[in-house]
Amino acid sequence: MNNSYKGKILISTPDISGDIFSRSVVLIIEHNESGAFGLILNKKNKFLSKRFNKIMQNDIEVYEGGPISQNKIFFIIRGERATSVNSEINDDYYLTDNVEEVIELIVKQELETKNIKIFSGYSGWSPQQLEGEIKNKMWTVIEVINLDYTESNDQNLWKKIMQGLGGEFLLWANAPEDISQN
């Protein structure tokens, strides 16, 4: 595929409002002729975070990866490949959905929670759907620059990236969440 968005970040435009993608920052993990797969980096799930913290007896945040298969858990892990099943995101990060193995590594203290980001569900696009949404200006595509995928993020990440882009993006960054209130 000549124009793959794999490894890039999607920033939602204010036109997307009222759903999970409103003010979202999405890392595209895979993009090919079959479609695209990504994870939202800045939408915390407080309910699942509390459940994980209780189970793990550790301060772990869980994020909404997207609206698809929200009962499925994914992990972005920084560092060496510690799990048997994984997909490389880049030289520093990889993705796995092997819950048992990750929990075992945490319990054995072979994997630090500061090097993990947990996601419930994922964002997916059918063939040519993402390209259409980008063409219709629902997303702005940016190259990843010094972004720690395992860092704790919230809505401020979207605003920070928009401010960094400048120009019309600066206006969007300062617009109210409900743009009809502007």
N, C-alpha and C. Protein backbone atom coordinates (compact mmCIF):
# COMPACT_ATOMS: atom_id res chain seq x y z
N MET A 1 0.85 -1.18 0.00
CA MET A 1 0.00 0.00 0.00
C MET A 1 0.90 1.24 0.00
N ASN A 2 0.70 2.11 -0.96
CA ASN A 2 1.56 3.28 -1.12
C ASN A 2 1.35 4.37 -0.08
N ASN A 3 0.12 4.59 0.34
CA ASN A 3 -0.18 5.72 1.21
C ASN A 3 -0.66 5.25 2.58
N SER A 4 0.12 4.43 3.24
CA SER A 4 -0.28 3.91 4.54
C SER A 4 -0.09 4.96 5.63
N TYR A 5 -1.04 4.97 6.57
CA TYR A 5 -0.96 5.87 7.71
C TYR A 5 -0.41 5.15 8.95
N LYS A 6 0.10 3.95 8.77
CA LYS A 6 0.66 3.18 9.89
C LYS A 6 1.74 4.01 10.60
N GLY A 7 1.63 4.06 11.93
CA GLY A 7 2.61 4.79 12.73
C GLY A 7 2.35 6.28 12.84
N LYS A 8 1.31 6.75 12.19
CA LYS A 8 0.98 8.18 12.25
C LYS A 8 -0.11 8.41 13.30
N ILE A 9 -0.31 9.68 13.63
CA ILE A 9 -1.32 10.09 14.60
C ILE A 9 -2.44 10.80 13.87
N LEU A 10 -3.67 10.45 14.24
CA LEU A 10 -4.85 11.17 13.74
C LEU A 10 -5.35 12.08 14.84
N ILE A 11 -5.60 13.33 14.50
CA ILE A 11 -6.16 14.30 15.42
C ILE A 11 -7.56 14.62 14.90
N SER A 12 -8.58 14.38 15.73
CA SER A 12 -9.95 14.65 15.28
C SER A 12 -10.16 16.16 15.15
N THR A 13 -10.93 16.52 14.15
CA THR A 13 -11.29 17.93 13.98
C THR A 13 -12.54 18.19 14.81
N PRO A 14 -12.85 19.45 15.09
CA PRO A 14 -14.05 19.76 15.89
C PRO A 14 -15.35 19.32 15.22
N ASP A 15 -15.29 18.96 13.92
CA ASP A 15 -16.49 18.47 13.24
C ASP A 15 -16.96 17.15 13.85
N ILE A 16 -16.04 16.40 14.45
CA ILE A 16 -16.41 15.17 15.13
C ILE A 16 -16.76 15.55 16.56
N SER A 17 -18.03 15.51 16.87
CA SER A 17 -18.42 15.87 18.25
C SER A 17 -19.52 14.93 18.72
N GLY A 18 -19.56 14.78 20.02
CA GLY A 18 -20.62 14.00 20.62
C GLY A 18 -20.38 12.50 20.67
N ASP A 19 -19.25 12.02 20.22
CA ASP A 19 -18.97 10.59 20.34
C ASP A 19 -17.56 10.38 20.86
N ILE A 20 -17.13 9.15 20.91
CA ILE A 20 -15.83 8.80 21.48
C ILE A 20 -14.67 9.47 20.73
N PHE A 21 -14.87 9.80 19.46
CA PHE A 21 -13.79 10.40 18.68
C PHE A 21 -13.68 11.91 18.85
N SER A 22 -14.59 12.52 19.57
CA SER A 22 -14.52 13.96 19.82
C SER A 22 -13.23 14.28 20.57
N ARG A 23 -12.42 15.14 19.98
CA ARG A 23 -11.13 15.56 20.56
C ARG A 23 -10.20 14.37 20.86
N SER A 24 -10.19 13.43 19.93
CA SER A 24 -9.37 12.23 20.10
C SER A 24 -8.02 12.36 19.40
N VAL A 25 -7.05 11.65 19.99
CA VAL A 25 -5.72 11.48 19.40
C VAL A 25 -5.57 9.97 19.21
N VAL A 26 -5.49 9.54 17.95
CA VAL A 26 -5.48 8.11 17.63
C VAL A 26 -4.14 7.73 17.00
N LEU A 27 -3.52 6.70 17.55
CA LEU A 27 -2.31 6.13 16.96
C LEU A 27 -2.75 5.03 16.00
N ILE A 28 -2.35 5.15 14.74
CA ILE A 28 -2.66 4.11 13.75
C ILE A 28 -1.59 3.02 13.86
N ILE A 29 -2.04 1.85 14.30
CA ILE A 29 -1.14 0.71 14.50
C ILE A 29 -0.94 -0.05 13.19
N GLU A 30 -2.02 -0.21 12.44
CA GLU A 30 -1.95 -0.95 11.17
C GLU A 30 -2.85 -0.26 10.16
N HIS A 31 -2.39 -0.19 8.90
CA HIS A 31 -3.19 0.38 7.83
C HIS A 31 -2.73 -0.26 6.53
N ASN A 32 -3.65 -0.95 5.89
CA ASN A 32 -3.34 -1.59 4.62
C ASN A 32 -4.61 -1.66 3.77
N GLU A 33 -4.58 -2.42 2.69
CA GLU A 33 -5.74 -2.49 1.79
C GLU A 33 -6.98 -3.12 2.46
N SER A 34 -6.80 -3.79 3.59
CA SER A 34 -7.93 -4.39 4.32
C SER A 34 -8.60 -3.41 5.28
N GLY A 35 -7.98 -2.27 5.52
CA GLY A 35 -8.53 -1.27 6.43
C GLY A 35 -7.48 -0.76 7.41
N ALA A 36 -7.94 -0.23 8.52
CA ALA A 36 -7.02 0.35 9.50
C ALA A 36 -7.43 -0.03 10.92
N PHE A 37 -6.43 -0.08 11.80
CA PHE A 37 -6.59 -0.41 13.21
C PHE A 37 -5.81 0.62 14.01
N GLY A 38 -6.45 1.20 15.02
CA GLY A 38 -5.76 2.19 15.85
C GLY A 38 -6.29 2.20 17.27
N LEU A 39 -5.62 2.97 18.12
CA LEU A 39 -6.00 3.10 19.52
C LEU A 39 -6.05 4.58 19.91
N ILE A 40 -7.11 4.97 20.61
CA ILE A 40 -7.24 6.34 21.10
C ILE A 40 -6.32 6.48 22.31
N LEU A 41 -5.43 7.46 22.27
CA LEU A 41 -4.42 7.63 23.32
C LEU A 41 -4.87 8.50 24.49
N ASN A 42 -6.00 9.20 24.36
CA ASN A 42 -6.31 10.22 25.36
C ASN A 42 -7.71 10.16 25.98
N LYS A 43 -8.32 8.99 26.00
CA LYS A 43 -9.65 8.85 26.61
C LYS A 43 -9.61 7.81 27.73
N LYS A 44 -9.50 8.27 28.95
CA LYS A 44 -9.43 7.37 30.10
C LYS A 44 -10.80 6.74 30.38
N ASN A 45 -10.76 5.48 30.83
CA ASN A 45 -11.96 4.78 31.26
C ASN A 45 -11.86 4.63 32.78
N LYS A 46 -12.54 5.51 33.50
CA LYS A 46 -12.42 5.54 34.96
C LYS A 46 -12.94 4.26 35.60
N PHE A 47 -14.02 3.71 35.07
CA PHE A 47 -14.59 2.49 35.64
C PHE A 47 -13.60 1.32 35.53
N LEU A 48 -13.07 1.08 34.34
CA LEU A 48 -12.12 -0.02 34.16
C LEU A 48 -10.82 0.24 34.91
N SER A 49 -10.40 1.49 34.99
CA SER A 49 -9.19 1.82 35.76
C SER A 49 -9.35 1.40 37.21
N LYS A 50 -10.51 1.70 37.81
CA LYS A 50 -10.76 1.30 39.20
C LYS A 50 -10.73 -0.22 39.35
N ARG A 51 -11.33 -0.93 38.40
CA ARG A 51 -11.36 -2.40 38.46
C ARG A 51 -9.95 -2.98 38.35
N PHE A 52 -9.16 -2.48 37.41
CA PHE A 52 -7.78 -2.96 37.25
C PHE A 52 -6.96 -2.67 38.50
N ASN A 53 -7.13 -1.47 39.05
CA ASN A 53 -6.38 -1.09 40.25
C ASN A 53 -6.70 -2.03 41.42
N LYS A 54 -7.97 -2.39 41.53
CA LYS A 54 -8.37 -3.30 42.60
C LYS A 54 -7.77 -4.68 42.40
N ILE A 55 -7.82 -5.18 41.17
CA ILE A 55 -7.29 -6.51 40.86
C ILE A 55 -5.78 -6.56 41.00
N MET A 56 -5.10 -5.57 40.43
CA MET A 56 -3.63 -5.55 40.38
C MET A 56 -3.00 -4.94 41.62
N GLN A 57 -3.81 -4.27 42.43
CA GLN A 57 -3.31 -3.52 43.58
C GLN A 57 -2.15 -2.62 43.15
N ASN A 58 -2.43 -1.91 42.09
CA ASN A 58 -1.44 -1.04 41.47
C ASN A 58 -2.19 0.11 40.82
N ASP A 59 -1.55 1.25 40.67
CA ASP A 59 -2.18 2.41 40.06
C ASP A 59 -2.02 2.34 38.54
N ILE A 60 -2.99 1.74 37.88
CA ILE A 60 -2.95 1.55 36.44
C ILE A 60 -4.18 2.21 35.83
N GLU A 61 -3.97 2.97 34.76
CA GLU A 61 -5.08 3.59 34.05
C GLU A 61 -5.43 2.75 32.83
N VAL A 62 -6.72 2.69 32.54
CA VAL A 62 -7.20 2.00 31.34
C VAL A 62 -7.83 3.05 30.44
N TYR A 63 -7.56 2.96 29.16
CA TYR A 63 -8.04 3.92 28.18
C TYR A 63 -9.03 3.27 27.23
N GLU A 64 -9.93 4.08 26.68
CA GLU A 64 -10.84 3.63 25.64
C GLU A 64 -10.04 3.59 24.34
N GLY A 65 -9.77 2.42 23.85
CA GLY A 65 -9.03 2.31 22.58
C GLY A 65 -9.89 2.67 21.39
N GLY A 66 -11.19 2.50 21.56
CA GLY A 66 -12.14 2.80 20.51
C GLY A 66 -13.44 2.09 20.75
N PRO A 67 -14.39 2.27 19.85
CA PRO A 67 -15.73 1.73 20.07
C PRO A 67 -15.91 0.25 19.70
N ILE A 68 -14.90 -0.38 19.12
CA ILE A 68 -15.04 -1.76 18.65
C ILE A 68 -14.46 -2.73 19.68
N SER A 69 -15.18 -3.81 19.93
CA SER A 69 -14.75 -4.90 20.83
C SER A 69 -14.24 -4.36 22.17
N GLN A 70 -15.08 -3.61 22.86
CA GLN A 70 -14.65 -2.99 24.11
C GLN A 70 -14.38 -4.00 25.23
N ASN A 71 -14.73 -5.25 25.02
CA ASN A 71 -14.40 -6.28 26.01
C ASN A 71 -13.02 -6.88 25.74
N LYS A 72 -12.35 -6.43 24.70
CA LYS A 72 -11.01 -6.92 24.37
C LYS A 72 -9.98 -5.92 24.90
N ILE A 73 -8.90 -6.43 25.50
CA ILE A 73 -7.86 -5.60 26.10
C ILE A 73 -6.60 -5.63 25.24
N PHE A 74 -6.01 -4.46 25.05
CA PHE A 74 -4.75 -4.32 24.31
C PHE A 74 -3.75 -3.58 25.20
N PHE A 75 -2.48 -3.85 24.98
CA PHE A 75 -1.41 -3.19 25.73
C PHE A 75 -0.40 -2.61 24.75
N ILE A 76 -0.04 -1.35 24.95
CA ILE A 76 1.15 -0.81 24.29
C ILE A 76 2.23 -0.86 25.35
N ILE A 77 3.36 -1.47 24.99
CA ILE A 77 4.45 -1.65 25.94
C ILE A 77 5.72 -1.02 25.37
N ARG A 78 6.39 -0.28 26.23
CA ARG A 78 7.66 0.36 25.86
C ARG A 78 8.80 -0.57 26.28
N GLY A 79 9.77 -0.73 25.38
CA GLY A 79 10.95 -1.51 25.72
C GLY A 79 11.05 -2.81 24.95
N GLU A 80 11.85 -3.71 25.51
CA GLU A 80 12.09 -5.01 24.89
C GLU A 80 10.83 -5.83 24.79
N ARG A 81 10.76 -6.66 23.76
CA ARG A 81 9.62 -7.55 23.59
C ARG A 81 9.62 -8.57 24.71
N ALA A 82 8.67 -8.47 25.62
CA ALA A 82 8.60 -9.36 26.77
C ALA A 82 7.53 -10.42 26.60
N THR A 83 6.60 -10.20 25.67
CA THR A 83 5.52 -11.16 25.47
C THR A 83 5.78 -12.00 24.22
N SER A 84 5.22 -13.20 24.20
CA SER A 84 5.46 -14.10 23.07
C SER A 84 4.71 -13.67 21.82
N VAL A 85 3.54 -13.07 21.98
CA VAL A 85 2.75 -12.60 20.84
C VAL A 85 2.72 -11.08 20.88
N ASN A 86 3.26 -10.45 19.83
CA ASN A 86 3.27 -8.99 19.80
C ASN A 86 3.44 -8.49 18.38
N SER A 87 3.09 -7.22 18.19
CA SER A 87 3.27 -6.52 16.92
C SER A 87 4.08 -5.28 17.18
N GLU A 88 5.09 -5.06 16.37
CA GLU A 88 5.94 -3.88 16.53
C GLU A 88 5.20 -2.63 16.08
N ILE A 89 5.24 -1.61 16.92
CA ILE A 89 4.73 -0.29 16.53
C ILE A 89 5.89 0.50 15.92
N ASN A 90 7.00 0.52 16.64
CA ASN A 90 8.25 1.09 16.15
C ASN A 90 9.38 0.47 16.98
N ASP A 91 10.58 1.01 16.90
CA ASP A 91 11.72 0.43 17.62
C ASP A 91 11.55 0.45 19.14
N ASP A 92 10.74 1.36 19.66
CA ASP A 92 10.61 1.53 21.11
C ASP A 92 9.34 0.94 21.71
N TYR A 93 8.33 0.67 20.90
CA TYR A 93 7.03 0.23 21.42
C TYR A 93 6.50 -0.96 20.63
N TYR A 94 5.71 -1.78 21.35
CA TYR A 94 5.00 -2.87 20.67
C TYR A 94 3.62 -3.03 21.27
N LEU A 95 2.78 -3.77 20.56
CA LEU A 95 1.40 -4.00 20.95
C LEU A 95 1.19 -5.49 21.21
N THR A 96 0.43 -5.80 22.25
CA THR A 96 0.02 -7.18 22.51
C THR A 96 -1.39 -7.19 23.09
N ASP A 97 -2.06 -8.31 22.95
CA ASP A 97 -3.37 -8.49 23.58
C ASP A 97 -3.34 -9.70 24.53
N ASN A 98 -2.14 -10.15 24.88
CA ASN A 98 -1.96 -11.31 25.74
C ASN A 98 -2.05 -10.89 27.22
N VAL A 99 -3.28 -10.81 27.73
CA VAL A 99 -3.55 -10.32 29.08
C VAL A 99 -2.83 -11.16 30.14
N GLU A 100 -2.96 -12.48 30.04
CA GLU A 100 -2.38 -13.36 31.06
C GLU A 100 -0.86 -13.17 31.16
N GLU A 101 -0.22 -13.11 30.02
CA GLU A 101 1.24 -12.97 30.01
C GLU A 101 1.68 -11.62 30.58
N VAL A 102 0.98 -10.55 30.23
CA VAL A 102 1.33 -9.22 30.74
C VAL A 102 1.14 -9.17 32.26
N ILE A 103 0.01 -9.69 32.74
CA ILE A 103 -0.23 -9.69 34.19
C ILE A 103 0.83 -10.51 34.92
N GLU A 104 1.19 -11.65 34.36
CA GLU A 104 2.23 -12.48 34.97
C GLU A 104 3.56 -11.73 35.04
N LEU A 105 3.91 -11.02 33.98
CA LEU A 105 5.16 -10.24 33.96
C LEU A 105 5.13 -9.11 34.99
N ILE A 106 3.97 -8.49 35.17
CA ILE A 106 3.84 -7.43 36.17
C ILE A 106 3.99 -8.01 37.57
N VAL A 107 3.30 -9.12 37.83
CA VAL A 107 3.36 -9.76 39.15
C VAL A 107 4.78 -10.19 39.48
N LYS A 108 5.49 -10.73 38.49
CA LYS A 108 6.88 -11.16 38.70
C LYS A 108 7.85 -9.99 38.72
N GLN A 109 7.33 -8.78 38.53
CA GLN A 109 8.12 -7.55 38.48
C GLN A 109 9.15 -7.56 37.36
N GLU A 110 8.80 -8.24 36.26
CA GLU A 110 9.64 -8.26 35.07
C GLU A 110 9.20 -7.20 34.07
N LEU A 111 8.06 -6.56 34.36
CA LEU A 111 7.52 -5.51 33.51
C LEU A 111 6.94 -4.43 34.42
N GLU A 112 7.45 -3.21 34.28
CA GLU A 112 6.97 -2.11 35.12
C GLU A 112 5.73 -1.48 34.51
N THR A 113 4.76 -1.15 35.37
CA THR A 113 3.52 -0.56 34.87
C THR A 113 3.74 0.80 34.21
N LYS A 114 4.82 1.48 34.55
CA LYS A 114 5.10 2.78 33.90
C LYS A 114 5.42 2.60 32.41
N ASN A 115 5.72 1.38 31.99
CA ASN A 115 6.05 1.10 30.60
C ASN A 115 4.88 0.48 29.84
N ILE A 116 3.67 0.60 30.40
CA ILE A 116 2.49 -0.03 29.81
C ILE A 116 1.36 0.97 29.71
N LYS A 117 0.59 0.87 28.64
CA LYS A 117 -0.68 1.58 28.54
C LYS A 117 -1.72 0.55 28.13
N ILE A 118 -2.82 0.53 28.87
CA ILE A 118 -3.86 -0.47 28.67
C ILE A 118 -5.06 0.16 27.96
N PHE A 119 -5.62 -0.59 27.00
CA PHE A 119 -6.76 -0.11 26.22
C PHE A 119 -7.88 -1.13 26.22
N SER A 120 -9.09 -0.63 26.31
CA SER A 120 -10.29 -1.44 26.16
C SER A 120 -10.88 -1.11 24.79
N GLY A 121 -10.93 -2.11 23.92
CA GLY A 121 -11.46 -1.90 22.58
C GLY A 121 -10.45 -1.25 21.66
N TYR A 122 -10.89 -1.02 20.44
CA TYR A 122 -10.01 -0.41 19.44
C TYR A 122 -10.82 0.39 18.44
N SER A 123 -10.12 1.13 17.62
CA SER A 123 -10.72 1.91 16.55
C SER A 123 -10.40 1.21 15.24
N GLY A 124 -11.40 1.00 14.43
CA GLY A 124 -11.17 0.29 13.18
C GLY A 124 -11.90 0.94 12.02
N TRP A 125 -11.33 0.78 10.85
CA TRP A 125 -11.89 1.32 9.62
C TRP A 125 -11.87 0.25 8.55
N SER A 126 -12.93 0.14 7.79
CA SER A 126 -12.99 -0.80 6.68
C SER A 126 -12.15 -0.26 5.51
N PRO A 127 -11.93 -1.07 4.46
CA PRO A 127 -11.12 -0.59 3.33
C PRO A 127 -11.62 0.76 2.80
N GLN A 128 -10.73 1.68 2.64
CA GLN A 128 -10.97 3.03 2.10
C GLN A 128 -11.78 3.95 3.01
N GLN A 129 -12.27 3.46 4.15
CA GLN A 129 -13.06 4.30 5.05
C GLN A 129 -12.21 5.41 5.66
N LEU A 130 -11.03 5.06 6.17
CA LEU A 130 -10.17 6.07 6.77
C LEU A 130 -9.75 7.12 5.75
N GLU A 131 -9.40 6.67 4.56
CA GLU A 131 -9.01 7.62 3.50
C GLU A 131 -10.15 8.60 3.22
N GLY A 132 -11.39 8.11 3.21
CA GLY A 132 -12.55 8.97 2.99
C GLY A 132 -12.74 9.97 4.11
N GLU A 133 -12.56 9.52 5.34
CA GLU A 133 -12.71 10.43 6.48
C GLU A 133 -11.63 11.50 6.47
N ILE A 134 -10.42 11.14 6.09
CA ILE A 134 -9.33 12.12 6.00
C ILE A 134 -9.62 13.11 4.87
N LYS A 135 -10.08 12.60 3.74
CA LYS A 135 -10.43 13.46 2.61
C LYS A 135 -11.54 14.44 3.00
N ASN A 136 -12.48 13.99 3.83
CA ASN A 136 -13.59 14.84 4.29
C ASN A 136 -13.21 15.70 5.49
N LYS A 137 -11.92 15.72 5.80
CA LYS A 137 -11.34 16.57 6.85
C LYS A 137 -11.89 16.28 8.24
N MET A 138 -12.20 15.00 8.51
CA MET A 138 -12.61 14.60 9.85
C MET A 138 -11.38 14.38 10.73
N TRP A 139 -10.25 14.14 10.08
CA TRP A 139 -8.99 13.87 10.78
C TRP A 139 -7.87 14.68 10.16
N THR A 140 -6.94 15.09 11.01
CA THR A 140 -5.68 15.67 10.55
C THR A 140 -4.61 14.63 10.87
N VAL A 141 -3.80 14.31 9.88
CA VAL A 141 -2.76 13.29 10.04
C VAL A 141 -1.44 14.00 10.35
N ILE A 142 -0.77 13.56 11.40
CA ILE A 142 0.54 14.14 11.72
C ILE A 142 1.56 13.03 11.95
N GLU A 143 2.80 13.38 11.74
CA GLU A 143 3.91 12.48 12.05
C GLU A 143 4.13 12.50 13.55
N VAL A 144 4.49 11.39 14.09
CA VAL A 144 4.73 11.30 15.53
C VAL A 144 6.09 11.93 15.85
N ILE A 145 6.07 12.88 16.79
CA ILE A 145 7.31 13.54 17.20
C ILE A 145 7.38 13.50 18.72
N ASN A 146 8.31 12.71 19.24
CA ASN A 146 8.55 12.65 20.70
C ASN A 146 7.29 12.44 21.53
N LEU A 147 6.45 11.52 21.14
CA LEU A 147 5.25 11.23 21.90
C LEU A 147 5.43 9.89 22.60
N ASP A 148 5.31 9.90 23.92
CA ASP A 148 5.41 8.67 24.70
C ASP A 148 4.03 8.03 24.72
N TYR A 149 3.87 6.90 24.03
CA TYR A 149 2.58 6.24 23.92
C TYR A 149 2.10 5.66 25.25
N THR A 150 3.00 5.48 26.22
CA THR A 150 2.61 4.91 27.50
C THR A 150 2.34 5.99 28.56
N GLU A 151 2.54 7.24 28.19
CA GLU A 151 2.32 8.34 29.13
C GLU A 151 0.84 8.52 29.45
N SER A 152 0.56 8.93 30.67
CA SER A 152 -0.81 9.23 31.07
C SER A 152 -1.26 10.48 30.31
N ASN A 153 -2.35 10.35 29.55
CA ASN A 153 -2.85 11.47 28.76
C ASN A 153 -4.34 11.64 28.97
N ASP A 154 -4.81 12.85 28.75
CA ASP A 154 -6.23 13.13 28.78
C ASP A 154 -6.53 14.13 27.67
N GLN A 155 -7.63 14.84 27.78
CA GLN A 155 -8.01 15.80 26.75
C GLN A 155 -6.94 16.85 26.48
N ASN A 156 -6.06 17.11 27.43
CA ASN A 156 -5.01 18.10 27.21
C ASN A 156 -4.07 17.71 26.08
N LEU A 157 -3.94 16.42 25.80
CA LEU A 157 -3.07 15.98 24.70
C LEU A 157 -3.59 16.52 23.37
N TRP A 158 -4.89 16.42 23.14
CA TRP A 158 -5.49 16.92 21.90
C TRP A 158 -5.22 18.42 21.76
N LYS A 159 -5.48 19.15 22.83
CA LYS A 159 -5.30 20.61 22.81
C LYS A 159 -3.82 20.97 22.61
N LYS A 160 -2.94 20.26 23.29
CA LYS A 160 -1.50 20.53 23.18
C LYS A 160 -1.00 20.32 21.74
N ILE A 161 -1.44 19.24 21.11
CA ILE A 161 -1.03 18.97 19.73
C ILE A 161 -1.61 20.02 18.80
N MET A 162 -2.88 20.39 18.98
CA MET A 162 -3.50 21.42 18.15
C MET A 162 -2.76 22.74 18.27
N GLN A 163 -2.40 23.11 19.49
CA GLN A 163 -1.66 24.35 19.69
C GLN A 163 -0.30 24.29 19.00
N GLY A 164 0.34 23.13 19.06
CA GLY A 164 1.63 22.96 18.41
C GLY A 164 1.57 23.07 16.90
N LEU A 165 0.42 22.71 16.31
CA LEU A 165 0.25 22.81 14.86
C LEU A 165 0.08 24.26 14.41
N GLY A 166 -0.44 25.11 15.31
CA GLY A 166 -0.59 26.54 15.01
C GLY A 166 -1.66 26.82 13.97
N GLY A 167 -1.69 28.04 13.47
CA GLY A 167 -2.65 28.46 12.43
C GLY A 167 -4.08 28.21 12.84
N GLU A 168 -4.87 27.66 11.90
CA GLU A 168 -6.29 27.39 12.18
C GLU A 168 -6.46 26.37 13.31
N PHE A 169 -5.46 25.51 13.49
CA PHE A 169 -5.53 24.51 14.57
C PHE A 169 -5.53 25.19 15.94
N LEU A 170 -4.86 26.32 16.03
CA LEU A 170 -4.83 27.07 17.28
C LEU A 170 -6.24 27.55 17.64
N LEU A 171 -7.01 27.93 16.63
CA LEU A 171 -8.40 28.32 16.87
C LEU A 171 -9.20 27.14 17.40
N TRP A 172 -9.01 25.97 16.79
CA TRP A 172 -9.73 24.77 17.22
C TRP A 172 -9.36 24.40 18.65
N ALA A 173 -8.07 24.54 18.98
CA ALA A 173 -7.60 24.17 20.31
C ALA A 173 -8.29 24.99 21.39
N ASN A 174 -8.63 26.22 21.07
CA ASN A 174 -9.25 27.11 22.05
C ASN A 174 -10.77 27.18 21.95
N ALA A 175 -11.33 26.42 21.00
CA ALA A 175 -12.78 26.41 20.85
C ALA A 175 -13.42 25.55 21.94
N PRO A 176 -14.66 25.87 22.33
CA PRO A 176 -15.34 25.03 23.34
C PRO A 176 -15.58 23.63 22.79
N GLU A 177 -15.72 22.66 23.68
CA GLU A 177 -15.93 21.28 23.24
C GLU A 177 -17.18 21.16 22.39
N ASP A 178 -18.24 21.84 22.76
CA ASP A 178 -19.46 21.88 21.97
C ASP A 178 -19.36 23.13 21.10
N ILE A 179 -18.96 22.97 19.82
CA ILE A 179 -18.69 24.12 18.97
C ILE A 179 -19.94 24.94 18.67
N SER A 180 -21.13 24.37 18.91
CA SER A 180 -22.34 25.16 18.72
C SER A 180 -22.47 26.24 19.79
N GLN A 181 -21.69 26.12 20.88
CA GLN A 181 -21.69 27.10 21.95
C GLN A 181 -20.76 28.28 21.65
N ASN A 182 -20.05 28.21 20.54
CA ASN A 182 -19.08 29.23 20.19
C ASN A 182 -19.75 30.47 19.61
